[in-house]
Protein backbone atom coordinates (compact mmCIF):
# COMPACT_ATOMS: atom_id res chain seq x y z
CA UNK A 1 80.64 73.59 115.40
CA UNK A 2 79.82 77.26 115.30
CA UNK A 3 76.20 78.27 114.69
CA UNK A 4 75.60 81.73 113.26
CA UNK A 5 72.54 83.83 114.05
CA UNK A 6 71.48 83.56 110.40
CA UNK A 7 71.48 79.77 110.72
CA UNK A 8 69.21 79.93 113.74
CA UNK A 9 66.81 82.27 111.93
CA UNK A 10 66.82 80.01 108.86
CA UNK A 11 66.21 76.93 111.02
CA UNK A 12 63.21 78.58 112.65
CA UNK A 13 61.64 79.78 109.39
CA UNK A 14 62.39 76.65 107.36
CA UNK A 15 61.37 74.20 110.08
CA UNK A 16 58.13 76.14 110.56
CA UNK A 17 57.47 75.89 106.82
CA UNK A 18 58.61 72.31 106.09
CA UNK A 19 58.06 70.39 109.34
CA UNK A 20 54.41 70.95 110.22
CA UNK A 21 54.01 67.95 112.54
CA UNK A 22 56.06 69.38 115.41
CA UNK A 23 56.04 72.62 117.36
CA UNK A 24 58.63 75.36 117.60
CA UNK A 25 61.23 75.51 119.16
CA UNK A 26 61.59 71.69 119.26
CA UNK A 27 61.64 71.26 115.50
CA UNK A 28 64.13 74.12 114.97
CA UNK A 29 66.45 72.74 117.66
CA UNK A 30 66.19 69.27 116.15
CA UNK A 31 67.03 70.66 112.72
CA UNK A 32 70.09 72.51 114.06
CA UNK A 33 71.19 69.44 116.01
CA UNK A 34 71.01 67.26 112.90
CA UNK A 35 72.90 69.81 110.80
CA UNK A 36 75.62 70.21 113.44
CA UNK A 37 76.00 66.44 113.78
CA UNK A 38 76.44 66.08 110.03
CA UNK A 39 79.07 68.82 109.97
CA UNK A 40 80.94 67.31 112.91
CA UNK A 41 80.92 63.85 111.36
CA UNK A 42 82.00 65.14 107.96
CA UNK A 43 84.99 66.93 109.51
CA UNK A 44 86.41 63.63 110.78
CA UNK A 45 85.21 61.14 108.16
CA UNK A 46 87.17 60.07 105.11
CA UNK A 47 85.79 61.88 102.06
CA UNK A 48 83.67 59.81 99.69
CA UNK A 49 86.08 60.48 96.83
CA UNK A 50 89.00 58.95 98.77
CA UNK A 51 86.88 55.98 99.84
CA UNK A 52 85.79 55.36 96.23
CA UNK A 53 89.38 55.40 95.01
CA UNK A 54 90.41 53.03 97.81
CA UNK A 55 87.61 50.62 96.86
CA UNK A 56 88.66 50.80 93.21
CA UNK A 57 92.26 49.99 94.21
CA UNK A 58 91.08 47.09 96.34
CA UNK A 59 89.00 45.69 93.46
CA UNK A 60 92.00 45.91 91.15
CA UNK A 61 94.18 44.13 93.70
CA UNK A 62 91.60 41.33 93.93
CA UNK A 63 91.57 41.15 90.14
CA UNK A 64 95.37 40.95 90.14
CA UNK A 65 95.18 38.00 92.55
CA UNK A 66 92.68 36.24 90.30
CA UNK A 67 94.90 36.86 87.29
CA UNK A 68 97.86 35.39 89.18
CA UNK A 69 95.93 32.22 89.97
CA UNK A 70 94.70 31.94 86.37
CA UNK A 71 98.25 32.41 85.06
CA UNK A 72 99.46 29.66 87.41
CA UNK A 73 97.13 27.14 85.75
CA UNK A 74 98.14 28.18 82.26
CA UNK A 75 95.43 30.63 81.17
CA UNK A 76 96.65 33.46 78.92
CA UNK A 77 96.05 36.64 80.92
CA UNK A 78 98.73 38.98 79.57
CA UNK A 79 96.28 41.60 78.25
CA UNK A 80 94.18 41.64 81.43
CA UNK A 81 97.28 41.73 83.59
CA UNK A 82 98.65 44.74 81.71
CA UNK A 83 95.31 46.56 82.03
CA UNK A 84 95.06 45.81 85.75
CA UNK A 85 98.65 46.89 86.43
CA UNK A 86 98.10 50.13 84.50
CA UNK A 87 94.84 50.70 86.36
CA UNK A 88 96.55 50.09 89.69
CA UNK A 89 99.32 52.55 88.89
CA UNK A 90 96.80 55.22 87.84
CA UNK A 91 94.64 54.54 90.89
CA UNK A 92 97.63 54.87 93.23
CA UNK A 93 98.49 58.26 91.71
CA UNK A 94 94.89 59.41 91.97
CA UNK A 95 94.64 58.18 95.57
CA UNK A 96 97.86 59.92 96.56
CA UNK A 97 96.66 63.20 95.04
CA UNK A 98 93.25 62.93 96.72
CA UNK A 99 94.77 62.12 100.12
CA UNK A 100 97.23 65.01 99.83
CA UNK A 101 94.38 67.39 98.96
CA UNK A 102 92.36 66.06 101.91
CA UNK A 103 95.35 66.53 104.23
CA UNK A 104 95.79 70.13 103.02
CA UNK A 105 92.09 70.82 103.55
CA UNK A 106 92.22 69.35 107.07
CA UNK A 107 95.25 71.51 107.86
CA UNK A 108 93.46 74.63 106.61
CA UNK A 109 90.37 73.82 108.67
CA UNK A 110 92.61 73.33 111.71
CA UNK A 111 94.26 76.71 111.12
CA UNK A 112 90.88 78.41 110.73
CA UNK A 113 89.58 76.86 113.94
CA UNK A 114 92.75 77.87 115.78
CA UNK A 115 92.53 81.46 114.51
CA UNK A 116 88.85 81.62 115.40
CA UNK A 117 89.59 80.40 118.93
CA UNK A 118 92.39 82.95 119.26
CA UNK A 119 90.07 85.75 118.11
CA UNK A 120 87.45 84.70 120.64
CA UNK A 121 90.07 84.71 123.38
CA UNK A 122 91.16 88.24 122.53
CA UNK A 123 87.64 89.56 121.98
C-alpha cells in the first residue's frame, strides 16, 4: 500500500482533532496502520456485492431443494418452482456479470501496481 504525503498530513491533523486520548505520533501512526490494513484486506477480499449475490443464489438453491421434497410428497409447488427457477437464472446472470467486473477491476489494479513499480525502478 502506498501512502502519500497528503495522507500523512491528514492523519496527523485529523488524529490530533478526533483522537484526544492518545499522543502524537502514536495516534497518527495507528490511524495510518488501520487505514492501510483495510485497503490491503479489501484488495484481496471478495466484494460485498458478489458475496450478497452468492448468498442469494444459495438461498434459492435451498428453496429449490425444499420445493423438490414438497413435490415428492404431492404438494402443488408449480408456481413457487417457476419463481425459484427464474430467480436462479437471473441470479446466475447477475453473479456472472459481477464476477467479470470484479476480475476486470483486479486486472486493472494489477496493471497499475505493475506500472507504478516500473516507474519507481526507472526513477
